[in-house]
Amino acid sequence: MLTPDEPIGESAPLLRALAEQHCSPECRDYHAFWQYFRLVGLISTIATDNDFLVNSIKKLADTGKHNRVLISATADYGMLARVIHAFRLANRVPQITVLDICETPLAINRWYAERHG
């Protein structure tokens, strides 16, 4: 199965609370409502390219040469979910670093990572 677990309904209120706590005025609304937009299908997101991304990442993971992964400028945990899922399909364990200028997406990525290893 190529689709990773993404508990969007559960994470939407959490991301909104994190945005209120951590975001600057410039990104607060963007982060606060991102998961809600995904939940109702209002925006096109990384999920649109899910199969391509998971297959491509899995091919790299299968080689055993690409265990270090950098994810930058993330709105939520969408890319992290795909990386974890693809590496699990390849029976490999990645070393993942997530970078962003805002603490909100970092916090939601930590939340997701704690749930999914």
C-alpha atoms as a PDB file:
ATOM      1  CA  MET A   1       0.000   0.000   0.000  1.00  0.00           C
ATOM      2  CA  LEU A   2       1.469   3.335  -1.050  1.00  0.00           C
ATOM      3  CA  THR A   3      -0.580   5.683   1.119  1.00  0.00           C
ATOM      4  CA  PRO A   4       0.962   6.649   4.469  1.00  0.00           C
ATOM      5  CA  ASP A   5      -1.034   7.155   7.631  1.00  0.00           C
ATOM      6  CA  GLU A   6      -1.995  10.828   7.921  1.00  0.00           C
ATOM      7  CA  PRO A   7      -4.357  11.562  10.816  1.00  0.00           C
ATOM      8  CA  ILE A   8      -5.433  14.907   9.366  1.00  0.00           C
ATOM      9  CA  GLY A   9      -8.671  15.078  11.342  1.00  0.00           C
ATOM     10  CA  GLU A  10      -6.757  14.588  14.572  1.00  0.00           C
ATOM     11  CA  SER A  11      -3.879  16.889  13.684  1.00  0.00           C
ATOM     12  CA  ALA A  12      -5.956  19.807  12.337  1.00  0.00           C
ATOM     13  CA  PRO A  13      -6.942  21.212  15.757  1.00  0.00           C
ATOM     14  CA  LEU A  14      -3.445  20.520  17.075  1.00  0.00           C
ATOM     15  CA  LEU A  15      -1.783  22.397  14.220  1.00  0.00           C
ATOM     16  CA  ARG A  16      -4.169  25.301  14.745  1.00  0.00           C
ATOM     17  CA  ALA A  17      -3.272  25.458  18.452  1.00  0.00           C
ATOM     18  CA  LEU A  18       0.438  25.221  17.657  1.00  0.00           C
ATOM     19  CA  ALA A  19       0.102  28.075  15.155  1.00  0.00           C
ATOM     20  CA  GLU A  20      -1.525  30.278  17.779  1.00  0.00           C
ATOM     21  CA  GLN A  21       1.325  29.470  20.151  1.00  0.00           C
ATOM     22  CA  HIS A  22       4.357  29.637  17.847  1.00  0.00           C
ATOM     23  CA  CYS A  23       3.673  31.498  14.596  1.00  0.00           C
ATOM     24  CA  SER A  24       4.450  35.057  13.712  1.00  0.00           C
ATOM     25  CA  PRO A  25       1.575  37.072  12.249  1.00  0.00           C
ATOM     26  CA  GLU A  26       2.957  36.427   8.758  1.00  0.00           C
ATOM     27  CA  CYS A  27       2.381  32.659   8.832  1.00  0.00           C
ATOM     28  CA  ARG A  28      -0.200  32.117  11.589  1.00  0.00           C
ATOM     29  CA  ASP A  29      -3.283  31.790   9.382  1.00  0.00           C
ATOM     30  CA  TYR A  30      -1.431  29.661   6.834  1.00  0.00           C
ATOM     31  CA  HIS A  31      -0.335  27.121   9.436  1.00  0.00           C
ATOM     32  CA  ALA A  32      -3.492  27.325  11.545  1.00  0.00           C
ATOM     33  CA  PHE A  33      -5.823  26.352   8.722  1.00  0.00           C
ATOM     34  CA  TRP A  34      -3.575  24.196   6.490  1.00  0.00           C
ATOM     35  CA  GLN A  35      -4.851  20.841   7.768  1.00  0.00           C
ATOM     36  CA  TYR A  36      -8.463  22.004   7.574  1.00  0.00           C
ATOM     37  CA  PHE A  37      -7.918  22.969   3.926  1.00  0.00           C
ATOM     38  CA  ARG A  38      -6.474  19.493   3.294  1.00  0.00           C
ATOM     39  CA  LEU A  39      -9.316  17.844   5.176  1.00  0.00           C
ATOM     40  CA  VAL A  40     -12.007  19.381   2.966  1.00  0.00           C
ATOM     41  CA  GLY A  41      -9.979  19.130  -0.246  1.00  0.00           C
ATOM     42  CA  LEU A  42      -9.793  22.877  -0.720  1.00  0.00           C
ATOM     43  CA  ILE A  43      -6.131  22.854  -1.750  1.00  0.00           C
ATOM     44  CA  SER A  44      -3.858  20.636  -3.780  1.00  0.00           C
ATOM     45  CA  THR A  45      -1.083  19.217  -1.608  1.00  0.00           C
ATOM     46  CA  ILE A  46       1.699  16.695  -1.590  1.00  0.00           C
ATOM     47  CA  ALA A  47      -0.938  13.947  -1.513  1.00  0.00           C
ATOM     48  CA  THR A  48      -1.557  14.675  -5.203  1.00  0.00           C
ATOM     49  CA  ASP A  49       1.881  13.198  -5.974  1.00  0.00           C
ATOM     50  CA  ASN A  50       1.741  10.474  -3.345  1.00  0.00           C
ATOM     51  CA  ASP A  51       2.431   7.441  -5.539  1.00  0.00           C
ATOM     52  CA  PHE A  52       5.287   9.146  -7.383  1.00  0.00           C
ATOM     53  CA  LEU A  53       6.910  10.327  -4.147  1.00  0.00           C
ATOM     54  CA  VAL A  54       6.576   7.063  -2.240  1.00  0.00           C
ATOM     55  CA  ASN A  55       7.837   5.014  -5.209  1.00  0.00           C
ATOM     56  CA  SER A  56      10.773   7.358  -5.825  1.00  0.00           C
ATOM     57  CA  ILE A  57      11.792   7.487  -2.174  1.00  0.00           C
ATOM     58  CA  LYS A  58      11.432   3.718  -1.837  1.00  0.00           C
ATOM     59  CA  LYS A  59      13.714   3.147  -4.850  1.00  0.00           C
ATOM     60  CA  LEU A  60      16.384   5.245  -3.172  1.00  0.00           C
ATOM     61  CA  ALA A  61      15.846   3.503   0.159  1.00  0.00           C
ATOM     62  CA  ASP A  62      16.087   0.088  -1.504  1.00  0.00           C
ATOM     63  CA  THR A  63      19.681   0.818  -2.538  1.00  0.00           C
ATOM     64  CA  GLY A  64      20.763   1.162   1.091  1.00  0.00           C
ATOM     65  CA  LYS A  65      22.898   4.152   0.089  1.00  0.00           C
ATOM     66  CA  HIS A  66      20.448   6.935   0.911  1.00  0.00           C
ATOM     67  CA  ASN A  67      19.436   6.739   4.570  1.00  0.00           C
ATOM     68  CA  ARG A  68      19.919  10.425   5.394  1.00  0.00           C
ATOM     69  CA  VAL A  69      16.937  12.602   4.457  1.00  0.00           C
ATOM     70  CA  LEU A  70      16.526  16.376   4.707  1.00  0.00           C
ATOM     71  CA  ILE A  71      13.026  17.842   4.601  1.00  0.00           C
ATOM     72  CA  SER A  72      12.907  21.627   4.404  1.00  0.00           C
ATOM     73  CA  ALA A  73      10.160  24.249   4.335  1.00  0.00           C
ATOM     74  CA  THR A  74       7.296  22.003   5.382  1.00  0.00           C
ATOM     75  CA  ALA A  75       3.756  23.158   6.121  1.00  0.00           C
ATOM     76  CA  ASP A  76       2.919  19.936   7.952  1.00  0.00           C
ATOM     77  CA  TYR A  77       4.105  16.329   8.259  1.00  0.00           C
ATOM     78  CA  GLY A  78       3.068  15.281   4.734  1.00  0.00           C
ATOM     79  CA  MET A  79       6.573  14.721   3.394  1.00  0.00           C
ATOM     80  CA  LEU A  80       7.718  13.127   6.642  1.00  0.00           C
ATOM     81  CA  ALA A  81       4.821  10.666   6.382  1.00  0.00           C
ATOM     82  CA  ARG A  82       5.861   9.693   2.863  1.00  0.00           C
ATOM     83  CA  VAL A  83       9.531   9.298   3.765  1.00  0.00           C
ATOM     84  CA  ILE A  84       8.762   7.114   6.789  1.00  0.00           C
ATOM     85  CA  HIS A  85       6.271   5.055   4.784  1.00  0.00           C
ATOM     86  CA  ALA A  86       8.607   4.533   1.818  1.00  0.00           C
ATOM     87  CA  PHE A  87      11.500   3.510   4.049  1.00  0.00           C
ATOM     88  CA  ARG A  88       9.265   1.046   5.906  1.00  0.00           C
ATOM     89  CA  LEU A  89       8.209  -0.476   2.594  1.00  0.00           C
ATOM     90  CA  ALA A  90      11.928  -0.903   1.849  1.00  0.00           C
ATOM     91  CA  ASN A  91      12.574  -2.354   5.341  1.00  0.00           C
ATOM     92  CA  ARG A  92      15.048   0.445   6.041  1.00  0.00           C
ATOM     93  CA  VAL A  93      15.352   3.051   8.785  1.00  0.00           C
ATOM     94  CA  PRO A  94      16.025   6.634   7.676  1.00  0.00           C
ATOM     95  CA  GLN A  95      17.851   9.382   9.526  1.00  0.00           C
ATOM     96  CA  ILE A  96      15.540  12.349   9.016  1.00  0.00           C
ATOM     97  CA  THR A  97      16.174  16.045   9.630  1.00  0.00           C
ATOM     98  CA  VAL A  98      13.342  18.557   9.240  1.00  0.00           C
ATOM     99  CA  LEU A  99      14.153  22.259   8.877  1.00  0.00           C
ATOM    100  CA  ASP A 100      11.819  25.242   8.834  1.00  0.00           C
ATOM    101  CA  ILE A 101      11.978  28.869   9.930  1.00  0.00           C
ATOM    102  CA  CYS A 102       8.768  28.498  11.962  1.00  0.00           C
ATOM    103  CA  GLU A 103       8.411  26.332  15.059  1.00  0.00           C
ATOM    104  CA  THR A 104       4.838  25.268  14.175  1.00  0.00           C
ATOM    105  CA  PRO A 105       5.684  22.830  11.357  1.00  0.00           C
ATOM    106  CA  LEU A 106       8.636  21.555  13.380  1.00  0.00           C
ATOM    107  CA  ALA A 107       6.321  20.824  16.306  1.00  0.00           C
ATOM    108  CA  ILE A 108       3.753  18.994  14.154  1.00  0.00           C
ATOM    109  CA  ASN A 109       6.549  16.964  12.561  1.00  0.00           C
ATOM    110  CA  ARG A 110       7.818  16.002  16.038  1.00  0.00           C
ATOM    111  CA  TRP A 111       4.263  14.993  16.982  1.00  0.00           C
ATOM    112  CA  TYR A 112       3.991  12.817  13.876  1.00  0.00           C
ATOM    113  CA  ALA A 113       7.466  11.309  14.341  1.00  0.00           C
ATOM    114  CA  GLU A 114       6.680  10.349  17.926  1.00  0.00           C
ATOM    115  CA  ARG A 115       3.564   8.533  16.728  1.00  0.00           C
ATOM    116  CA  HIS A 116       5.261   6.804  13.804  1.00  0.00           C
ATOM    117  CA  GLY A 117       8.827   6.261  14.892  1.00  0.00           C
END
